[in-house]
Amino acid sequence: LQTSAESPLIFSMLLKIFLIQSMKSLEQTAVNIC
């Protein structure tokens, strides 16, 4: 909240992503789907 207007939103979004999906699973999503 002391850095930029968007920083808390980006941090929160990425935390939400990794709290429910492992890096390995996300890597597979990136390669196979995207």
Full PDB file with SEQRES, HELIX, SHEET, SSBOND, CRYST1, ORIGX, SCALE, CONECT and MASTER records, all heavy atoms in Angstrom:
SEQRES   1 A   34  LEU GLN THR SER ALA GLU SER PRO LEU ILE PHE SER MET          
SEQRES   2 A   34  LEU LEU LYS ILE PHE LEU ILE GLN SER MET LYS SER LEU          
SEQRES   3 A   34  GLU GLN THR ALA VAL ASN ILE CYS                              
HELIX    1 AA1 SER A    7  ILE A   20  1                                  14    
HELIX    2 AA2 MET A   23  ASN A   32  1                                  10    
CRYST1    1.000    1.000    1.000  90.00  90.00  90.00 P 1           1          
ORIGX1      1.000000  0.000000  0.000000        0.00000                         
ORIGX2      0.000000  1.000000  0.000000        0.00000                         
ORIGX3      0.000000  0.000000  1.000000        0.00000                         
SCALE1      1.000000  0.000000  0.000000        0.00000                         
SCALE2      0.000000  1.000000  0.000000        0.00000                         
SCALE3      0.000000  0.000000  1.000000        0.00000                         
ATOM      1  N   LEU A   1       0.815  -1.213   0.000  1.00  0.00           N  
ATOM      2  CA  LEU A   1       0.000   0.000   0.000  1.00  0.00           C  
ATOM      3  C   LEU A   1       0.850   1.264   0.000  1.00  0.00           C  
ATOM      4  O   LEU A   1       0.339   2.355  -0.230  1.00  0.00           O  
ATOM      5  CB  LEU A   1      -0.921  -0.001   1.222  1.00  0.00           C  
ATOM      6  CG  LEU A   1      -1.918  -1.162   1.235  1.00  0.00           C  
ATOM      7  CD1 LEU A   1      -2.270  -1.561   2.653  1.00  0.00           C  
ATOM      8  CD2 LEU A   1      -3.172  -0.807   0.458  1.00  0.00           C  
ATOM      9  N   GLN A   2       2.147   1.124   0.239  1.00  0.00           N  
ATOM     10  CA  GLN A   2       3.061   2.266   0.236  1.00  0.00           C  
ATOM     11  C   GLN A   2       3.845   2.373  -1.071  1.00  0.00           C  
ATOM     12  O   GLN A   2       4.733   3.221  -1.175  1.00  0.00           O  
ATOM     13  CB  GLN A   2       4.051   2.141   1.402  1.00  0.00           C  
ATOM     14  CG  GLN A   2       3.416   2.221   2.779  1.00  0.00           C  
ATOM     15  CD  GLN A   2       4.444   2.067   3.893  1.00  0.00           C  
ATOM     16  OE1 GLN A   2       5.216   1.126   3.910  1.00  0.00           O  
ATOM     17  NE2 GLN A   2       4.456   3.007   4.822  1.00  0.00           N  
ATOM     18  N   THR A   3       3.547   1.514  -2.037  1.00  0.00           N  
ATOM     19  CA  THR A   3       4.363   1.450  -3.253  1.00  0.00           C  
ATOM     20  C   THR A   3       3.659   2.054  -4.459  1.00  0.00           C  
ATOM     21  O   THR A   3       4.110   3.039  -5.032  1.00  0.00           O  
ATOM     22  CB  THR A   3       4.776  -0.001  -3.533  1.00  0.00           C  
ATOM     23  OG1 THR A   3       5.546  -0.487  -2.436  1.00  0.00           O  
ATOM     24  CG2 THR A   3       5.612  -0.102  -4.800  1.00  0.00           C  
ATOM     25  N   SER A   4       2.559   1.456  -4.883  1.00  0.00           N  
ATOM     26  CA  SER A   4       1.811   1.982  -6.022  1.00  0.00           C  
ATOM     27  C   SER A   4       0.348   1.621  -5.850  1.00  0.00           C  
ATOM     28  O   SER A   4       0.003   0.717  -5.075  1.00  0.00           O  
ATOM     29  CB  SER A   4       2.341   1.408  -7.349  1.00  0.00           C  
ATOM     30  OG  SER A   4       2.065   0.021  -7.439  1.00  0.00           O  
ATOM     31  N   ALA A   5      -0.520   2.297  -6.570  1.00  0.00           N  
ATOM     32  CA  ALA A   5      -1.957   2.049  -6.433  1.00  0.00           C  
ATOM     33  C   ALA A   5      -2.307   0.610  -6.766  1.00  0.00           C  
ATOM     34  O   ALA A   5      -3.195   0.007  -6.148  1.00  0.00           O  
ATOM     35  CB  ALA A   5      -2.729   3.006  -7.346  1.00  0.00           C  
ATOM     36  N   GLU A   6      -1.596   0.033  -7.739  1.00  0.00           N  
ATOM     37  CA  GLU A   6      -1.934  -1.317  -8.196  1.00  0.00           C  
ATOM     38  C   GLU A   6      -1.253  -2.421  -7.402  1.00  0.00           C  
ATOM     39  O   GLU A   6      -1.661  -3.591  -7.468  1.00  0.00           O  
ATOM     40  CB  GLU A   6      -1.590  -1.471  -9.678  1.00  0.00           C  
ATOM     41  CG  GLU A   6      -0.114  -1.353 -10.034  1.00  0.00           C  
ATOM     42  CD  GLU A   6       0.356   0.074 -10.283  1.00  0.00           C  
ATOM     43  OE1 GLU A   6      -0.426   1.016  -9.985  1.00  0.00           O  
ATOM     44  OE2 GLU A   6       1.486   0.249 -10.768  1.00  0.00           O  
ATOM     45  N   SER A   7      -0.212  -2.105  -6.641  1.00  0.00           N  
ATOM     46  CA  SER A   7       0.586  -3.139  -5.975  1.00  0.00           C  
ATOM     47  C   SER A   7      -0.223  -4.074  -5.076  1.00  0.00           C  
ATOM     48  O   SER A   7      -0.063  -5.298  -5.147  1.00  0.00           O  
ATOM     49  CB  SER A   7       1.730  -2.509  -5.190  1.00  0.00           C  
ATOM     50  OG  SER A   7       2.742  -2.065  -6.058  1.00  0.00           O  
ATOM     51  N   PRO A   8      -1.109  -3.566  -4.185  1.00  0.00           N  
ATOM     52  CA  PRO A   8      -1.852  -4.501  -3.330  1.00  0.00           C  
ATOM     53  C   PRO A   8      -2.754  -5.429  -4.118  1.00  0.00           C  
ATOM     54  O   PRO A   8      -2.938  -6.598  -3.753  1.00  0.00           O  
ATOM     55  CB  PRO A   8      -2.667  -3.583  -2.406  1.00  0.00           C  
ATOM     56  CG  PRO A   8      -2.628  -2.238  -3.025  1.00  0.00           C  
ATOM     57  CD  PRO A   8      -1.383  -2.166  -3.838  1.00  0.00           C  
ATOM     58  N   LEU A   9      -3.302  -4.931  -5.237  1.00  0.00           N  
ATOM     59  CA  LEU A   9      -4.196  -5.757  -6.049  1.00  0.00           C  
ATOM     60  C   LEU A   9      -3.420  -6.859  -6.763  1.00  0.00           C  
ATOM     61  O   LEU A   9      -3.873  -8.009  -6.837  1.00  0.00           O  
ATOM     62  CB  LEU A   9      -4.915  -4.864  -7.063  1.00  0.00           C  
ATOM     63  CG  LEU A   9      -6.299  -5.318  -7.538  1.00  0.00           C  
ATOM     64  CD1 LEU A   9      -7.226  -5.582  -6.370  1.00  0.00           C  
ATOM     65  CD2 LEU A   9      -6.899  -4.276  -8.472  1.00  0.00           C  
ATOM     66  N   ILE A  10      -2.240  -6.528  -7.285  1.00  0.00           N  
ATOM     67  CA  ILE A  10      -1.415  -7.536  -7.959  1.00  0.00           C  
ATOM     68  C   ILE A  10      -0.953  -8.585  -6.964  1.00  0.00           C  
ATOM     69  O   ILE A  10      -1.029  -9.796  -7.230  1.00  0.00           O  
ATOM     70  CB  ILE A  10      -0.187  -6.881  -8.638  1.00  0.00           C  
ATOM     71  CG1 ILE A  10      -0.610  -5.804  -9.627  1.00  0.00           C  
ATOM     72  CG2 ILE A  10       0.645  -7.939  -9.363  1.00  0.00           C  
ATOM     73  CD1 ILE A  10       0.554  -4.949 -10.124  1.00  0.00           C  
ATOM     74  N   PHE A  11      -0.448  -8.148  -5.822  1.00  0.00           N  
ATOM     75  CA  PHE A  11       0.036  -9.076  -4.795  1.00  0.00           C  
ATOM     76  C   PHE A  11      -1.081 -10.017  -4.369  1.00  0.00           C  
ATOM     77  O   PHE A  11      -0.897 -11.234  -4.282  1.00  0.00           O  
ATOM     78  CB  PHE A  11       0.554  -8.277  -3.597  1.00  0.00           C  
ATOM     79  CG  PHE A  11       1.360  -9.073  -2.609  1.00  0.00           C  
ATOM     80  CD1 PHE A  11       2.746  -9.006  -2.610  1.00  0.00           C  
ATOM     81  CD2 PHE A  11       0.746  -9.895  -1.671  1.00  0.00           C  
ATOM     82  CE1 PHE A  11       3.506  -9.738  -1.693  1.00  0.00           C  
ATOM     83  CE2 PHE A  11       1.484 -10.626  -0.761  1.00  0.00           C  
ATOM     84  CZ  PHE A  11       2.869 -10.548  -0.769  1.00  0.00           C  
ATOM     85  N   SER A  12      -2.243  -9.454  -4.118  1.00  0.00           N  
ATOM     86  CA  SER A  12      -3.392 -10.254  -3.688  1.00  0.00           C  
ATOM     87  C   SER A  12      -3.799 -11.258  -4.756  1.00  0.00           C  
ATOM     88  O   SER A  12      -4.056 -12.432  -4.467  1.00  0.00           O  
ATOM     89  CB  SER A  12      -4.562  -9.319  -3.366  1.00  0.00           C  
ATOM     90  OG  SER A  12      -5.757 -10.044  -3.198  1.00  0.00           O  
ATOM     91  N   MET A  13      -3.844 -10.820  -6.008  1.00  0.00           N  
ATOM     92  CA  MET A  13      -4.236 -11.708  -7.107  1.00  0.00           C  
ATOM     93  C   MET A  13      -3.281 -12.895  -7.226  1.00  0.00           C  
ATOM     94  O   MET A  13      -3.713 -14.055  -7.338  1.00  0.00           O  
ATOM     95  CB  MET A  13      -4.252 -10.929  -8.427  1.00  0.00           C  
ATOM     96  CG  MET A  13      -4.490 -11.796  -9.660  1.00  0.00           C  
ATOM     97  SD  MET A  13      -4.337 -10.880 -11.210  1.00  0.00           S  
ATOM     98  CE  MET A  13      -2.579 -10.483 -11.248  1.00  0.00           C  
ATOM     99  N   LEU A  14      -1.995 -12.631  -7.179  1.00  0.00           N  
ATOM    100  CA  LEU A  14      -1.019 -13.715  -7.325  1.00  0.00           C  
ATOM    101  C   LEU A  14      -1.061 -14.654  -6.126  1.00  0.00           C  
ATOM    102  O   LEU A  14      -0.913 -15.869  -6.265  1.00  0.00           O  
ATOM    103  CB  LEU A  14       0.382 -13.127  -7.500  1.00  0.00           C  
ATOM    104  CG  LEU A  14       0.588 -12.330  -8.794  1.00  0.00           C  
ATOM    105  CD1 LEU A  14       1.957 -11.676  -8.817  1.00  0.00           C  
ATOM    106  CD2 LEU A  14       0.403 -13.221 -10.024  1.00  0.00           C  
ATOM    107  N   LEU A  15      -1.294 -14.107  -4.948  1.00  0.00           N  
ATOM    108  CA  LEU A  15      -1.412 -14.950  -3.763  1.00  0.00           C  
ATOM    109  C   LEU A  15      -2.620 -15.875  -3.891  1.00  0.00           C  
ATOM    110  O   LEU A  15      -2.545 -17.072  -3.586  1.00  0.00           O  
ATOM    111  CB  LEU A  15      -1.541 -14.063  -2.524  1.00  0.00           C  
ATOM    112  CG  LEU A  15      -1.224 -14.704  -1.183  1.00  0.00           C  
ATOM    113  CD1 LEU A  15       0.200 -15.260  -1.160  1.00  0.00           C  
ATOM    114  CD2 LEU A  15      -1.393 -13.678  -0.060  1.00  0.00           C  
ATOM    115  N   LYS A  16      -3.727 -15.348  -4.355  1.00  0.00           N  
ATOM    116  CA  LYS A  16      -4.934 -16.169  -4.542  1.00  0.00           C  
ATOM    117  C   LYS A  16      -4.671 -17.306  -5.528  1.00  0.00           C  
ATOM    118  O   LYS A  16      -5.128 -18.433  -5.329  1.00  0.00           O  
ATOM    119  CB  LYS A  16      -6.083 -15.299  -5.056  1.00  0.00           C  
ATOM    120  CG  LYS A  16      -6.642 -14.320  -4.047  1.00  0.00           C  
ATOM    121  CD  LYS A  16      -7.621 -13.356  -4.725  1.00  0.00           C  
ATOM    122  CE  LYS A  16      -8.137 -12.319  -3.758  1.00  0.00           C  
ATOM    123  NZ  LYS A  16      -8.994 -11.307  -4.415  1.00  0.00           N  
ATOM    124  N   ILE A  17      -3.933 -16.991  -6.583  1.00  0.00           N  
ATOM    125  CA  ILE A  17      -3.640 -18.010  -7.604  1.00  0.00           C  
ATOM    126  C   ILE A  17      -2.837 -19.158  -7.012  1.00  0.00           C  
ATOM    127  O   ILE A  17      -3.171 -20.333  -7.181  1.00  0.00           O  
ATOM    128  CB  ILE A  17      -2.889 -17.366  -8.787  1.00  0.00           C  
ATOM    129  CG1 ILE A  17      -3.847 -16.493  -9.606  1.00  0.00           C  
ATOM    130  CG2 ILE A  17      -2.243 -18.432  -9.678  1.00  0.00           C  
ATOM    131  CD1 ILE A  17      -3.161 -15.644 -10.662  1.00  0.00           C  
ATOM    132  N   PHE A  18      -1.769 -18.829  -6.266  1.00  0.00           N  
ATOM    133  CA  PHE A  18      -0.865 -19.873  -5.782  1.00  0.00           C  
ATOM    134  C   PHE A  18      -1.355 -20.553  -4.509  1.00  0.00           C  
ATOM    135  O   PHE A  18      -0.869 -21.623  -4.163  1.00  0.00           O  
ATOM    136  CB  PHE A  18       0.541 -19.294  -5.586  1.00  0.00           C  
ATOM    137  CG  PHE A  18       1.267 -19.049  -6.881  1.00  0.00           C  
ATOM    138  CD1 PHE A  18       1.294 -17.794  -7.453  1.00  0.00           C  
ATOM    139  CD2 PHE A  18       1.894 -20.093  -7.544  1.00  0.00           C  
ATOM    140  CE1 PHE A  18       1.949 -17.571  -8.656  1.00  0.00           C  
ATOM    141  CE2 PHE A  18       2.556 -19.889  -8.747  1.00  0.00           C  
ATOM    142  CZ  PHE A  18       2.574 -18.623  -9.305  1.00  0.00           C  
ATOM    143  N   LEU A  19      -2.309 -19.947  -3.837  1.00  0.00           N  
ATOM    144  CA  LEU A  19      -2.870 -20.608  -2.661  1.00  0.00           C  
ATOM    145  C   LEU A  19      -3.712 -21.826  -3.035  1.00  0.00           C  
ATOM    146  O   LEU A  19      -3.886 -22.742  -2.229  1.00  0.00           O  
ATOM    147  CB  LEU A  19      -3.721 -19.623  -1.848  1.00  0.00           C  
ATOM    148  CG  LEU A  19      -2.945 -18.647  -0.954  1.00  0.00           C  
ATOM    149  CD1 LEU A  19      -3.881 -17.576  -0.391  1.00  0.00           C  
ATOM    150  CD2 LEU A  19      -2.246 -19.383   0.190  1.00  0.00           C  
ATOM    151  N   ILE A  20      -4.232 -21.844  -4.264  1.00  0.00           N  
ATOM    152  CA  ILE A  20      -5.091 -22.970  -4.651  1.00  0.00           C  
ATOM    153  C   ILE A  20      -4.547 -23.765  -5.833  1.00  0.00           C  
ATOM    154  O   ILE A  20      -5.184 -24.722  -6.283  1.00  0.00           O  
ATOM    155  CB  ILE A  20      -6.530 -22.499  -4.971  1.00  0.00           C  
ATOM    156  CG1 ILE A  20      -6.554 -21.501  -6.130  1.00  0.00           C  
ATOM    157  CG2 ILE A  20      -7.197 -21.911  -3.741  1.00  0.00           C  
ATOM    158  CD1 ILE A  20      -7.960 -21.098  -6.548  1.00  0.00           C  
ATOM    159  N   GLN A  21      -3.357 -23.402  -6.320  1.00  0.00           N  
ATOM    160  CA  GLN A  21      -2.782 -24.135  -7.450  1.00  0.00           C  
ATOM    161  C   GLN A  21      -1.267 -24.189  -7.303  1.00  0.00           C  
ATOM    162  O   GLN A  21      -0.616 -23.165  -7.091  1.00  0.00           O  
ATOM    163  CB  GLN A  21      -3.164 -23.469  -8.781  1.00  0.00           C  
ATOM    164  CG  GLN A  21      -2.728 -24.264 -10.010  1.00  0.00           C  
ATOM    165  CD  GLN A  21      -3.275 -23.680 -11.311  1.00  0.00           C  
ATOM    166  OE1 GLN A  21      -3.805 -22.572 -11.325  1.00  0.00           O  
ATOM    167  NE2 GLN A  21      -3.159 -24.414 -12.394  1.00  0.00           N  
ATOM    168  N   SER A  22      -0.712 -25.365  -7.415  1.00  0.00           N  
ATOM    169  CA  SER A  22       0.734 -25.519  -7.276  1.00  0.00           C  
ATOM    170  C   SER A  22       1.458 -24.957  -8.492  1.00  0.00           C  
ATOM    171  O   SER A  22       0.875 -24.783  -9.567  1.00  0.00           O  
ATOM    172  CB  SER A  22       1.096 -27.000  -7.125  1.00  0.00           C  
ATOM    173  OG  SER A  22       0.851 -27.680  -8.350  1.00  0.00           O  
ATOM    174  N   MET A  23       2.744 -24.683  -8.309  1.00  0.00           N  
ATOM    175  CA  MET A  23       3.536 -24.185  -9.425  1.00  0.00           C  
ATOM    176  C   MET A  23       3.597 -25.204 -10.552  1.00  0.00           C  
ATOM    177  O   MET A  23       3.555 -24.844 -11.728  1.00  0.00           O  
ATOM    178  CB  MET A  23       4.949 -23.835  -8.951  1.00  0.00           C  
ATOM    179  CG  MET A  23       5.031 -22.588  -8.103  1.00  0.00           C  
ATOM    180  SD  MET A  23       6.740 -22.123  -7.717  1.00  0.00           S  
ATOM    181  CE  MET A  23       7.362 -21.634  -9.327  1.00  0.00           C  
ATOM    182  N   LYS A  24       3.692 -26.466 -10.209  1.00  0.00           N  
ATOM    183  CA  LYS A  24       3.763 -27.510 -11.235  1.00  0.00           C  
ATOM    184  C   LYS A  24       2.482 -27.542 -12.062  1.00  0.00           C  
ATOM    185  O   LYS A  24       2.511 -27.625 -13.291  1.00  0.00           O  
ATOM    186  CB  LYS A  24       4.008 -28.870 -10.586  1.00  0.00           C  
ATOM    187  CG  LYS A  24       4.255 -29.996 -11.586  1.00  0.00           C  
ATOM    188  CD  LYS A  24       4.681 -31.276 -10.875  1.00  0.00           C  
ATOM    189  CE  LYS A  24       4.977 -32.398 -11.848  1.00  0.00           C  
ATOM    190  NZ  LYS A  24       6.048 -32.052 -12.806  1.00  0.00           N  
ATOM    191  N   SER A  25       1.343 -27.469 -11.366  1.00  0.00           N  
ATOM    192  CA  SER A  25       0.064 -27.470 -12.065  1.00  0.00           C  
ATOM    193  C   SER A  25      -0.074 -26.226 -12.937  1.00  0.00           C  
ATOM    194  O   SER A  25      -0.556 -26.304 -14.072  1.00  0.00           O  
ATOM    195  CB  SER A  25      -1.079 -27.529 -11.051  1.00  0.00           C  
ATOM    196  OG  SER A  25      -2.314 -27.305 -11.682  1.00  0.00           O  
ATOM    197  N   LEU A  26       0.357 -25.082 -12.413  1.00  0.00           N  
ATOM    198  CA  LEU A  26       0.244 -23.852 -13.181  1.00  0.00           C  
ATOM    199  C   LEU A  26       1.148 -23.900 -14.410  1.00  0.00           C  
ATOM    200  O   LEU A  26       0.775 -23.415 -15.481  1.00  0.00           O  
ATOM    201  CB  LEU A  26       0.605 -22.663 -12.295  1.00  0.00           C  
ATOM    202  CG  LEU A  26       0.143 -21.299 -12.808  1.00  0.00           C  
ATOM    203  CD1 LEU A  26      -0.198 -20.369 -11.650  1.00  0.00           C  
ATOM    204  CD2 LEU A  26       1.197 -20.644 -13.679  1.00  0.00           C  
ATOM    205  N   GLU A  27       2.322 -24.495 -14.251  1.00  0.00           N  
ATOM    206  CA  GLU A  27       3.215 -24.640 -15.398  1.00  0.00           C  
ATOM    207  C   GLU A  27       2.570 -25.489 -16.486  1.00  0.00           C  
ATOM    208  O   GLU A  27       2.664 -25.172 -17.680  1.00  0.00           O  
ATOM    209  CB  GLU A  27       4.537 -25.262 -14.947  1.00  0.00           C  
ATOM    210  CG  GLU A  27       5.549 -25.408 -16.065  1.00  0.00           C  
ATOM    211  CD  GLU A  27       6.886 -25.926 -15.586  1.00  0.00           C  
ATOM    212  OE1 GLU A  27       7.038 -26.168 -14.366  1.00  0.00           O  
ATOM    213  OE2 GLU A  27       7.780 -26.097 -16.433  1.00  0.00           O  
ATOM    214  N   GLN A  28       1.899 -26.558 -16.095  1.00  0.00           N  
ATOM    215  CA  GLN A  28       1.209 -27.404 -17.069  1.00  0.00           C  
ATOM    216  C   GLN A  28       0.091 -26.632 -17.770  1.00  0.00           C  
ATOM    217  O   GLN A  28      -0.101 -26.764 -18.985  1.00  0.00           O  
ATOM    218  CB  GLN A  28       0.641 -28.640 -16.362  1.00  0.00           C  
ATOM    219  CG  GLN A  28       1.721 -29.598 -15.877  1.00  0.00           C  
ATOM    220  CD  GLN A  28       1.170 -30.720 -15.010  1.00  0.00           C  
ATOM    221  OE1 GLN A  28       0.022 -30.671 -14.557  1.00  0.00           O  
ATOM    222  NE2 GLN A  28       1.994 -31.741 -14.758  1.00  0.00           N  
ATOM    223  N   THR A  29      -0.620 -25.804 -16.999  1.00  0.00           N  
ATOM    224  CA  THR A  29      -1.663 -24.967 -17.597  1.00  0.00           C  
ATOM    225  C   THR A  29      -1.055 -24.016 -18.621  1.00  0.00           C  
ATOM    226  O   THR A  29      -1.577 -23.844 -19.728  1.00  0.00           O  
ATOM    227  CB  THR A  29      -2.384 -24.154 -16.504  1.00  0.00           C  
ATOM    228  OG1 THR A  29      -3.025 -25.049 -15.596  1.00  0.00           O  
ATOM    229  CG2 THR A  29      -3.417 -23.211 -17.101  1.00  0.00           C  
ATOM    230  N   ALA A  30       0.057 -23.409 -18.266  1.00  0.00           N  
ATOM    231  CA  ALA A  30       0.705 -22.450 -19.157  1.00  0.00           C  
ATOM    232  C   ALA A  30       1.147 -23.104 -20.463  1.00  0.00           C  
ATOM    233  O   ALA A  30       0.950 -22.551 -21.552  1.00  0.00           O  
ATOM    234  CB  ALA A  30       1.897 -21.817 -18.449  1.00  0.00           C  
ATOM    235  N   VAL A  31       1.753 -24.296 -20.357  1.00  0.00           N  
ATOM    236  CA  VAL A  31       2.308 -24.966 -21.536  1.00  0.00           C  
ATOM    237  C   VAL A  31       1.201 -25.610 -22.370  1.00  0.00           C  
ATOM    238  O   VAL A  31       1.137 -25.433 -23.599  1.00  0.00           O  
ATOM    239  CB  VAL A  31       3.350 -26.019 -21.109  1.00  0.00           C  
ATOM    240  CG1 VAL A  31       3.786 -26.856 -22.305  1.00  0.00           C  
ATOM    241  CG2 VAL A  31       4.554 -25.339 -20.459  1.00  0.00           C  
ATOM    242  N   ASN A  32       0.312 -26.354 -21.729  1.00  0.00           N  
ATOM    243  CA  ASN A  32      -0.670 -27.170 -22.458  1.00  0.00           C  
ATOM    244  C   ASN A  32      -1.900 -26.402 -22.914  1.00  0.00           C  
ATOM    245  O   ASN A  32      -2.500 -26.741 -23.938  1.00  0.00           O  
ATOM    246  CB  ASN A  32      -1.115 -28.348 -21.580  1.00  0.00           C  
ATOM    247  CG  ASN A  32       0.047 -29.261 -21.234  1.00  0.00           C  
ATOM    248  OD1 ASN A  32       0.997 -29.396 -22.009  1.00  0.00           O  
ATOM    249  ND2 ASN A  32      -0.008 -29.881 -20.061  1.00  0.00           N  
ATOM    250  N   ILE A  33      -2.291 -25.386 -22.161  1.00  0.00           N  
ATOM    251  CA  ILE A  33      -3.513 -24.661 -22.502  1.00  0.00           C  
ATOM    252  C   ILE A  33      -3.204 -23.312 -23.146  1.00  0.00           C  
ATOM    253  O   ILE A  33      -3.882 -22.898 -24.085  1.00  0.00           O  
ATOM    254  CB  ILE A  33      -4.388 -24.470 -21.238  1.00  0.00           C  
ATOM    255  CG1 ILE A  33      -4.823 -25.839 -20.701  1.00  0.00           C  
ATOM    256  CG2 ILE A  33      -5.606 -23.593 -21.528  1.00  0.00           C  
ATOM    257  CD1 ILE A  33      -5.608 -25.780 -19.406  1.00  0.00           C  
ATOM    258  N   CYS A  34      -2.154 -22.646 -22.659  1.00  0.00           N  
ATOM    259  CA  CYS A  34      -1.866 -21.287 -23.135  1.00  0.00           C  
ATOM    260  C   CYS A  34      -0.701 -21.228 -24.113  1.00  0.00           C  
ATOM    261  O   CYS A  34      -0.288 -20.135 -24.533  1.00  0.00           O  
ATOM    262  CB  CYS A  34      -1.586 -20.371 -21.950  1.00  0.00           C  
ATOM    263  SG  CYS A  34      -2.938 -20.274 -20.771  1.00  0.00           S  
TER     264      CYS A  34                                                      
MASTER        0    0    0    2    0    0    0    6  263    1    0    3          
END                                                                             
